[in-house]
Protein backbone atom coordinates (compact mmCIF):
# COMPACT_ATOMS: atom_id res chain seq x y z
CA MET A 1 0.00 0.00 0.00
CA TYR A 2 1.28 3.46 -0.93
CA VAL A 3 0.50 6.98 0.28
CA ILE A 4 1.24 9.67 -2.29
CA ILE A 5 2.03 12.93 -0.50
CA ASP A 6 2.66 16.49 -1.56
CA ILE A 7 3.33 19.37 0.82
CA GLU A 8 3.46 23.13 0.30
CA THR A 9 5.42 25.18 2.83
CA THR A 10 6.06 28.75 3.95
CA GLY A 11 9.64 28.70 2.68
CA GLY A 12 12.37 30.14 4.86
CA ARG A 13 15.32 28.70 6.72
CA TYR A 14 16.09 24.98 6.57
CA ASN A 15 14.02 23.03 9.15
CA GLU A 16 12.17 26.20 10.13
CA GLU A 17 9.57 25.96 7.34
CA GLY A 18 5.91 25.47 8.18
CA ILE A 19 3.32 23.48 6.25
CA THR A 20 0.67 25.53 4.42
CA GLU A 21 -1.08 22.71 2.54
CA ILE A 22 -0.94 18.93 2.46
CA ALA A 23 -2.49 16.30 0.18
CA ILE A 24 -2.36 12.56 0.84
CA HIS A 25 -3.84 9.81 -1.36
CA LYS A 26 -3.75 6.20 -0.19
CA PHE A 27 -3.23 3.95 -3.22
CA ASP A 28 -3.41 0.16 -3.34
CA GLY A 29 -1.61 -0.12 -6.69
CA ASN A 30 -4.79 0.28 -8.73
CA ASP A 31 -7.24 2.59 -6.94
CA ILE A 32 -7.29 5.45 -4.46
CA VAL A 33 -8.81 3.98 -1.27
CA ASP A 34 -8.55 7.03 1.02
CA SER A 35 -7.65 10.73 0.72
CA PHE A 36 -6.88 13.68 2.95
CA VAL A 37 -6.40 17.22 1.61
CA SER A 38 -6.19 20.33 3.78
CA LEU A 39 -4.81 23.81 4.09
CA VAL A 40 -2.72 24.20 7.25
CA ASN A 41 -2.13 27.24 9.44
CA PRO A 42 1.67 27.32 9.83
CA GLU A 43 1.53 29.97 12.56
CA LYS A 44 4.18 31.96 10.72
CA GLU A 45 4.42 34.24 7.70
CA ILE A 46 4.71 32.85 4.17
CA GLN A 47 7.67 34.00 2.10
CA PRO A 48 6.56 36.36 -0.74
CA PHE A 49 8.10 34.19 -3.49
CA VAL A 50 6.09 31.21 -2.19
CA VAL A 51 2.88 33.24 -2.31
CA ASN A 52 3.63 34.06 -5.96
CA LEU A 53 4.40 30.40 -6.73
CA THR A 54 1.47 28.68 -5.01
CA GLY A 55 -1.14 31.43 -4.68
CA ILE A 56 -1.51 30.52 -0.99
CA ASN A 57 -1.38 33.61 1.25
CA ASN A 58 -1.55 34.28 4.98
CA LYS A 59 -5.19 35.41 4.85
CA MET A 60 -6.28 32.07 3.31
CA LEU A 61 -4.75 30.17 6.23
CA ARG A 62 -6.12 32.26 9.08
CA ASN A 63 -8.93 29.79 9.85
CA ALA A 64 -7.19 26.64 8.60
CA PRO A 65 -6.39 23.86 11.13
CA LYS A 66 -2.99 23.90 12.78
CA PHE A 67 -0.72 20.91 12.27
CA TYR A 68 -1.40 19.38 15.68
CA GLU A 69 -5.11 19.29 14.78
CA ILE A 70 -4.53 17.11 11.71
CA ALA A 71 -1.55 15.08 12.98
CA LYS A 72 -3.66 12.09 14.09
CA ARG A 73 -5.33 11.87 10.67
CA ILE A 74 -1.92 11.88 8.97
CA VAL A 75 -0.69 9.05 11.21
CA GLU A 76 -3.84 7.02 10.51
CA ILE A 77 -3.77 7.35 6.72
CA THR A 78 -0.02 6.65 6.42
CA LYS A 79 0.08 3.67 8.81
CA ASN A 80 1.69 0.54 7.30
CA CYS A 81 2.23 2.30 3.96
CA VAL A 82 5.16 3.32 1.79
CA MET A 83 5.29 7.09 1.36
CA VAL A 84 5.71 8.25 -2.25
CA ALA A 85 6.57 11.82 -3.22
CA HIS A 86 8.33 13.76 -5.95
CA ASN A 87 11.55 14.64 -4.11
CA ALA A 88 10.54 12.45 -1.17
CA SER A 89 13.44 13.58 1.03
CA PHE A 90 11.92 17.08 1.19
CA ASP A 91 8.34 16.04 2.08
CA TYR A 92 9.56 13.40 4.55
CA ARG A 93 11.88 15.89 6.26
CA ILE A 94 9.08 18.45 6.60
CA LEU A 95 6.69 15.89 8.10
CA ARG A 96 9.28 14.54 10.52
CA THR A 97 10.14 18.08 11.61
CA GLU A 98 6.50 18.94 12.31
CA PHE A 99 5.92 15.72 14.25
CA ARG A 100 9.14 16.23 16.18
CA ARG A 101 7.80 19.57 17.39
CA LEU A 102 4.88 17.61 18.85
CA GLY A 103 7.22 15.11 20.53
CA PHE A 104 6.33 12.28 18.10
CA ASP A 105 8.87 10.29 16.08
CA PHE A 106 7.24 9.88 12.65
CA GLU A 107 8.85 7.13 10.59
CA THR A 108 7.78 5.46 7.36
CA PRO A 109 9.57 3.93 4.36
CA THR A 110 9.77 6.23 1.32
CA LEU A 111 9.98 6.09 -2.46
CA CYS A 112 11.06 9.08 -4.56
CA THR A 113 9.50 9.42 -8.02
CA ILE A 114 12.43 11.58 -9.15
CA GLU A 115 14.90 8.77 -8.50
CA LEU A 116 12.55 6.13 -9.92
CA SER A 117 11.94 8.23 -13.04
CA LYS A 118 15.68 8.60 -13.65
CA GLN A 119 15.98 4.80 -13.58
CA LEU A 120 12.86 3.91 -15.56
CA ILE A 121 12.55 6.90 -17.95
CA PRO A 122 16.21 7.75 -18.61
CA ASP A 123 17.82 10.52 -20.67
CA LEU A 124 15.27 13.27 -20.10
CA GLU A 125 16.57 16.83 -19.84
CA SER A 126 14.65 17.55 -16.65
CA TYR A 127 12.94 15.52 -13.94
CA SER A 128 10.97 18.35 -12.39
CA LEU A 129 7.35 17.29 -11.97
CA GLY A 130 6.00 19.76 -14.54
CA LYS A 131 8.48 18.94 -17.31
CA LEU A 132 8.36 15.21 -16.61
CA CYS A 133 4.57 15.21 -16.86
CA ARG A 134 4.73 17.11 -20.17
CA ASN A 135 7.18 14.56 -21.59
CA ILE A 136 4.87 11.63 -20.87
CA GLY A 137 1.58 13.41 -21.42
CA ILE A 138 0.28 13.51 -17.84
CA PRO A 139 -2.24 16.35 -17.44
CA VAL A 140 -1.56 18.54 -14.39
CA SER A 141 -4.11 20.88 -12.84
CA ASP A 142 -3.38 23.25 -9.94
CA ARG A 143 0.40 23.07 -10.41
CA HIS A 144 2.29 24.01 -7.22
CA ARG A 145 -0.79 23.21 -5.13
CA ALA A 146 -0.64 20.13 -2.95
CA ASN A 147 -3.56 18.18 -4.41
CA GLY A 148 -2.76 18.93 -8.05
CA ASP A 149 0.87 17.86 -7.62
CA ALA A 150 -0.08 14.80 -5.54
CA LEU A 151 -2.51 13.55 -8.20
CA ALA A 152 0.11 14.10 -10.92
CA THR A 153 2.63 12.15 -8.81
CA LEU A 154 0.08 9.37 -8.39
CA LYS A 155 -0.36 9.12 -12.16
CA LEU A 156 3.41 9.12 -12.56
CA LEU A 157 3.72 6.29 -10.00
CA GLN A 158 1.22 4.20 -12.00
CA ILE A 159 3.38 4.60 -15.11
CA LEU A 160 6.56 3.79 -13.16
CA LEU A 161 4.98 0.64 -11.71
CA GLN A 162 4.07 -0.39 -15.26
CA LYS A 163 7.62 0.29 -16.49
CA ASP A 164 9.28 -1.50 -13.55
CA LYS A 165 10.04 -4.76 -15.35
CA ASP A 166 12.20 -6.04 -12.49
CA LYS A 167 9.35 -5.42 -9.99
CA GLN A 168 11.78 -3.72 -7.63
CA ILE A 169 9.13 -1.28 -6.38
CA VAL A 170 6.71 -4.08 -5.49
CA LYS A 171 9.43 -6.31 -4.04
CA SER A 172 10.64 -3.58 -1.70
CA THR A 173 7.05 -2.91 -0.59
CA ILE A 174 6.47 -6.61 0.16
CA LYS A 175 9.65 -6.83 2.25
CA ILE A 176 8.38 -3.93 4.33
CA GLY A 177 4.91 -5.40 4.61
CA ASN A 178 6.20 -8.76 5.81
CA LYS A 179 7.46 -7.14 8.97
CA ARG A 180 3.87 -6.45 10.00
CA ASP A 181 0.78 -8.56 10.56
CA LEU A 182 1.72 -11.40 8.17
CA PRO A 183 -0.76 -14.05 9.48
CA LYS A 184 -3.70 -11.70 8.94
CA LYS A 185 -2.47 -10.93 5.42
CA LEU A 186 -2.37 -14.62 4.56
CA LEU A 187 -5.92 -15.18 5.87
CA THR A 188 -7.34 -12.40 3.69
CA ILE A 189 -5.21 -12.92 0.57
CA LEU A 190 -8.07 -14.11 -1.68
CA GLU A 191 -10.53 -11.59 -0.32
CA ASP A 192 -8.26 -8.73 -1.38
CA LEU A 193 -7.77 -9.90 -4.98
CA PRO A 194 -9.79 -8.36 -7.86
CA THR A 195 -12.09 -10.16 -10.28
CA LYS A 196 -10.57 -8.32 -13.24
CA THR A 197 -8.15 -9.10 -16.10
CA GLY A 198 -4.45 -9.00 -15.38
CA VAL A 199 -1.26 -10.71 -14.26
CA PHE A 200 -0.57 -11.93 -10.71
CA TYR A 201 2.62 -12.81 -8.82
CA PHE A 202 3.24 -15.15 -5.88
CA HIS A 203 6.02 -13.81 -3.66
CA LYS A 204 8.37 -15.31 -1.08
CA TYR A 205 9.16 -13.61 2.23
CA ASN A 206 11.97 -11.60 0.57
CA GLY A 207 9.79 -10.35 -2.30
CA ASN A 208 11.22 -12.73 -4.92
CA ILE A 209 8.68 -14.16 -7.35
CA LEU A 210 7.75 -17.87 -7.09
CA TYR A 211 5.05 -18.05 -9.76
CA ILE A 212 3.33 -15.81 -12.31
CA GLY A 213 -0.19 -16.29 -13.68
CA LYS A 214 -2.69 -14.39 -15.82
CA GLY A 215 -6.33 -14.33 -16.83
CA LYS A 216 -9.66 -12.55 -17.04
CA ASN A 217 -10.52 -13.08 -13.35
CA ILE A 218 -7.46 -12.92 -11.09
CA LYS A 219 -9.33 -13.99 -7.94
CA ASN A 220 -10.81 -17.13 -9.53
CA ILE A 221 -7.51 -18.20 -11.07
CA VAL A 222 -5.55 -17.72 -7.82
CA ASN A 223 -8.26 -19.65 -5.97
CA ASN A 224 -7.88 -22.52 -8.44
CA VAL A 225 -4.10 -22.52 -7.95
CA PHE A 226 -4.60 -22.60 -4.17
CA LEU A 227 -6.81 -25.69 -4.56
CA ARG A 228 -4.16 -27.72 -6.41
CA THR A 229 -3.06 -30.84 -4.53
CA SER A 230 0.07 -31.98 -6.38
CA ARG A 231 3.31 -32.24 -4.40
CA LYS A 232 4.89 -29.42 -6.40
CA SER A 233 1.89 -27.16 -5.75
CA ARG A 234 1.92 -27.90 -2.01
CA ILE A 235 5.61 -26.97 -1.84
CA MET A 236 4.92 -23.69 -3.64
CA LEU A 237 1.94 -22.79 -1.47
CA LYS A 238 4.00 -23.20 1.70
CA GLU A 239 6.43 -20.56 0.45
CA ILE A 240 3.87 -17.91 -0.55
CA VAL A 241 3.63 -14.94 1.79
CA SER A 242 2.05 -12.40 -0.56
CA VAL A 243 0.28 -12.05 -3.91
CA SER A 244 0.61 -8.88 -5.97
CA TYR A 245 -1.07 -8.16 -9.29
CA ASP A 246 -1.13 -5.77 -12.23
CA LEU A 247 -4.49 -5.05 -13.84
CA THR A 248 -4.20 -4.79 -17.62
CA GLY A 249 -7.76 -4.27 -18.84
CA SER A 250 -6.74 -5.80 -22.16
CA GLU A 251 -6.43 -9.59 -22.30
CA LEU A 252 -3.80 -9.22 -25.03
CA ILE A 253 -1.61 -7.08 -22.77
CA ALA A 254 -2.08 -9.64 -19.97
CA GLN A 255 -0.68 -12.31 -22.31
CA LEU A 256 2.23 -10.11 -23.44
CA LYS A 257 3.08 -9.05 -19.90
CA PHE A 258 2.87 -12.60 -18.58
CA HIS A 259 5.24 -13.84 -21.27
CA GLU A 260 7.79 -11.09 -20.69
CA ASP A 261 7.68 -11.34 -16.90
CA VAL A 262 8.21 -15.12 -16.91
CA ILE A 263 11.29 -14.65 -19.12
CA ALA A 264 12.58 -11.79 -16.96
CA HIS A 265 12.05 -13.36 -13.53
CA LYS A 266 12.33 -17.08 -14.35
CA PRO A 267 10.07 -18.25 -11.50
CA ARG A 268 10.88 -21.89 -10.82
CA HIS A 269 7.19 -22.87 -10.85
CA ASN A 270 6.57 -21.55 -14.40
CA LYS A 271 7.24 -23.11 -17.79
CA LEU A 272 7.10 -21.20 -21.06
CA ASN A 273 7.01 -22.46 -24.64
CA SER A 274 8.71 -20.48 -27.39
CA LYS A 275 7.31 -19.61 -30.79
CA ILE A 276 8.72 -17.11 -33.27
CA GLU A 277 6.72 -15.17 -35.87
CA ASN A 278 6.70 -11.64 -37.24
CA LEU A 279 3.93 -9.14 -37.83
CA LYS A 280 4.42 -8.59 -41.57
CA ALA A 281 1.18 -10.35 -42.34
CA TYR A 282 -0.63 -7.53 -40.58
CA SER A 283 1.25 -4.39 -41.50
CA ASN A 284 4.27 -2.99 -43.24
CA GLU A 285 3.91 0.26 -41.32
CA ASN A 286 4.29 1.56 -37.81
CA MET A 287 1.02 1.26 -35.92
CA VAL A 288 -0.70 1.42 -32.57
CA LEU A 289 -3.27 -1.16 -31.43
CA ILE A 290 -5.91 0.46 -29.22
CA ASP A 291 -8.16 -1.51 -26.88
CA LYS A 292 -9.95 -1.16 -23.55
CA GLY A 293 -7.96 0.00 -20.53
CA ARG A 294 -8.09 -0.74 -16.83
CA HIS A 295 -11.12 1.53 -16.28
CA LEU A 296 -13.77 3.18 -18.45
CA SER A 297 -11.98 6.46 -19.20
CA GLU A 298 -8.70 4.76 -20.17
CA LYS A 299 -7.40 3.02 -23.30
CA SER A 300 -4.60 0.49 -23.62
CA VAL A 301 -2.09 1.03 -26.42
CA ILE A 302 0.39 -1.36 -28.04
CA LEU A 303 3.15 0.17 -30.16
CA ILE A 304 4.49 -1.67 -33.24
CA GLU A 305 7.36 -0.22 -35.26
CA ASN A 306 9.02 -1.83 -38.28
CA ASN A 307 6.75 -4.85 -37.86
CA GLU A 308 8.04 -5.51 -34.35
CA TYR A 309 6.23 -5.20 -31.01
CA LYS A 310 7.84 -2.43 -28.92
CA GLY A 311 5.74 -2.24 -25.78
CA TYR A 312 2.45 -1.26 -24.19
CA GLY A 313 1.00 1.54 -22.10
CA TYR A 314 -2.18 3.33 -21.04
CA THR A 315 -3.60 6.71 -21.89
CA ASP A 316 -6.52 8.96 -21.00
CA LEU A 317 -5.83 11.42 -23.83
CA SER A 318 -5.88 11.13 -27.63
CA TYR A 319 -2.89 13.53 -27.63
CA GLN A 320 -0.77 10.83 -26.01
CA ILE A 321 -1.66 8.34 -28.75
CA ASN A 322 -1.17 10.69 -31.69
CA ASN A 323 2.17 12.11 -30.54
CA LEU A 324 4.72 9.35 -31.17
CA ASP A 325 7.44 10.93 -29.00
CA VAL A 326 5.08 11.15 -26.01
CA LEU A 327 3.85 7.62 -26.67
CA ARG A 328 7.40 6.21 -26.66
CA ASN A 329 8.01 7.76 -23.23
CA LEU A 330 4.69 6.43 -21.97
CA ILE A 331 4.99 2.77 -22.94
CA SER A 332 6.85 -0.02 -21.21
CA ILE A 333 9.53 -1.18 -23.64
CA SER A 334 9.60 -4.92 -24.32
CA LYS A 335 12.78 -6.97 -23.99
CA SER A 336 11.56 -10.17 -25.71
CA ILE A 337 10.13 -9.21 -29.09
CA ASP A 338 9.95 -12.41 -31.18
CA ASN A 339 7.69 -14.50 -28.97
CA GLN A 340 5.46 -11.55 -28.28
CA ASN A 341 4.96 -11.00 -32.02
CA ALA A 342 3.59 -14.52 -32.13
CA ILE A 343 1.27 -13.79 -29.20
CA ILE A 344 -0.13 -10.73 -30.99
CA ILE A 345 -0.68 -12.62 -34.25
CA LYS A 346 -2.49 -15.48 -32.51
CA TYR A 347 -4.66 -13.05 -30.53
CA LEU A 348 -5.62 -10.97 -33.58
CA LYS A 349 -6.64 -14.12 -35.48
CA ASN A 350 -9.20 -14.97 -32.80
CA ASN A 351 -10.18 -11.67 -31.19
CA LYS A 352 -11.15 -8.11 -32.06
CA ILE A 353 -9.61 -4.94 -30.70
CA GLU A 354 -11.14 -1.46 -30.78
CA LYS A 355 -8.97 0.02 -33.57
CA PHE A 356 -5.61 0.41 -35.32
CA ILE A 357 -3.79 3.67 -35.99
CA ARG A 358 -1.06 3.65 -38.65
CA PHE A 359 1.80 6.16 -38.68
């Protein structure tokens, strides 16, 4: 579980800043499950350059709650979560400083979307939130306000999770989670799984992947795996401490992602057959395959260039599909092209997608 946080401050001397606005969104990897957004009375003057940047002034905060009045809510919403922020060291330092003034030692694991973006979307000129969002087509409203920036960071995290082929973000989260309340997690594992299309992962105590599966109904498929009685299955089930999943919306993307992840992670309980074909029977041009996404307002996109599958992604905007440079930044690049070409050909022979766009 993640909490995406953005904080606006008064500015001023290091560790003497006060919070003027905070936004927190609790995110389970697919949906926002809780939110808290509030102006905060910092009990000190805001620096003029900050007023010009954020639009937040002293008069606006006169009747806002003071930090001690919202501190309990912040502790509750962040409990047992990984804190995610753009420049996480800043937001974490500010929170710890405010809690320290109250005599409380606030601690939580953190992830920084600047550092993750540098790893997963390399070679960009700037990793500021505004420029990064423009490069990958994320719409940002209320820039330099806590909720606008937090929601943009949340969208960025979704893209980074999609691009994280090595599953390092999820693995690190599972390691943290295993330190807390593991028996309860095991008892509710099926209850927490979705009945939607996607790929799922069985994890060991250290986050490493034991088994990968896919299908139209993740909960039903995992339940069927849990009911297996073979010796090999019983051995695997004893090692499972957590199940994570990626919703894909598109069944074709579930197949492509499953294939690539099995090759990348080599779980000892998976076998994979190889088959090599190309896409020349379908197109001699660059094209994008467009199909349903993970929710109603979203579309899935598959990029094919020079008759080869390049990767997949998701978009809410037609601009992201029609601008090839933005689309390349948005998609997760594939590392195992040949077999995935065969998967696409087989799927297109037996199924329909919403549309093709040729470049």
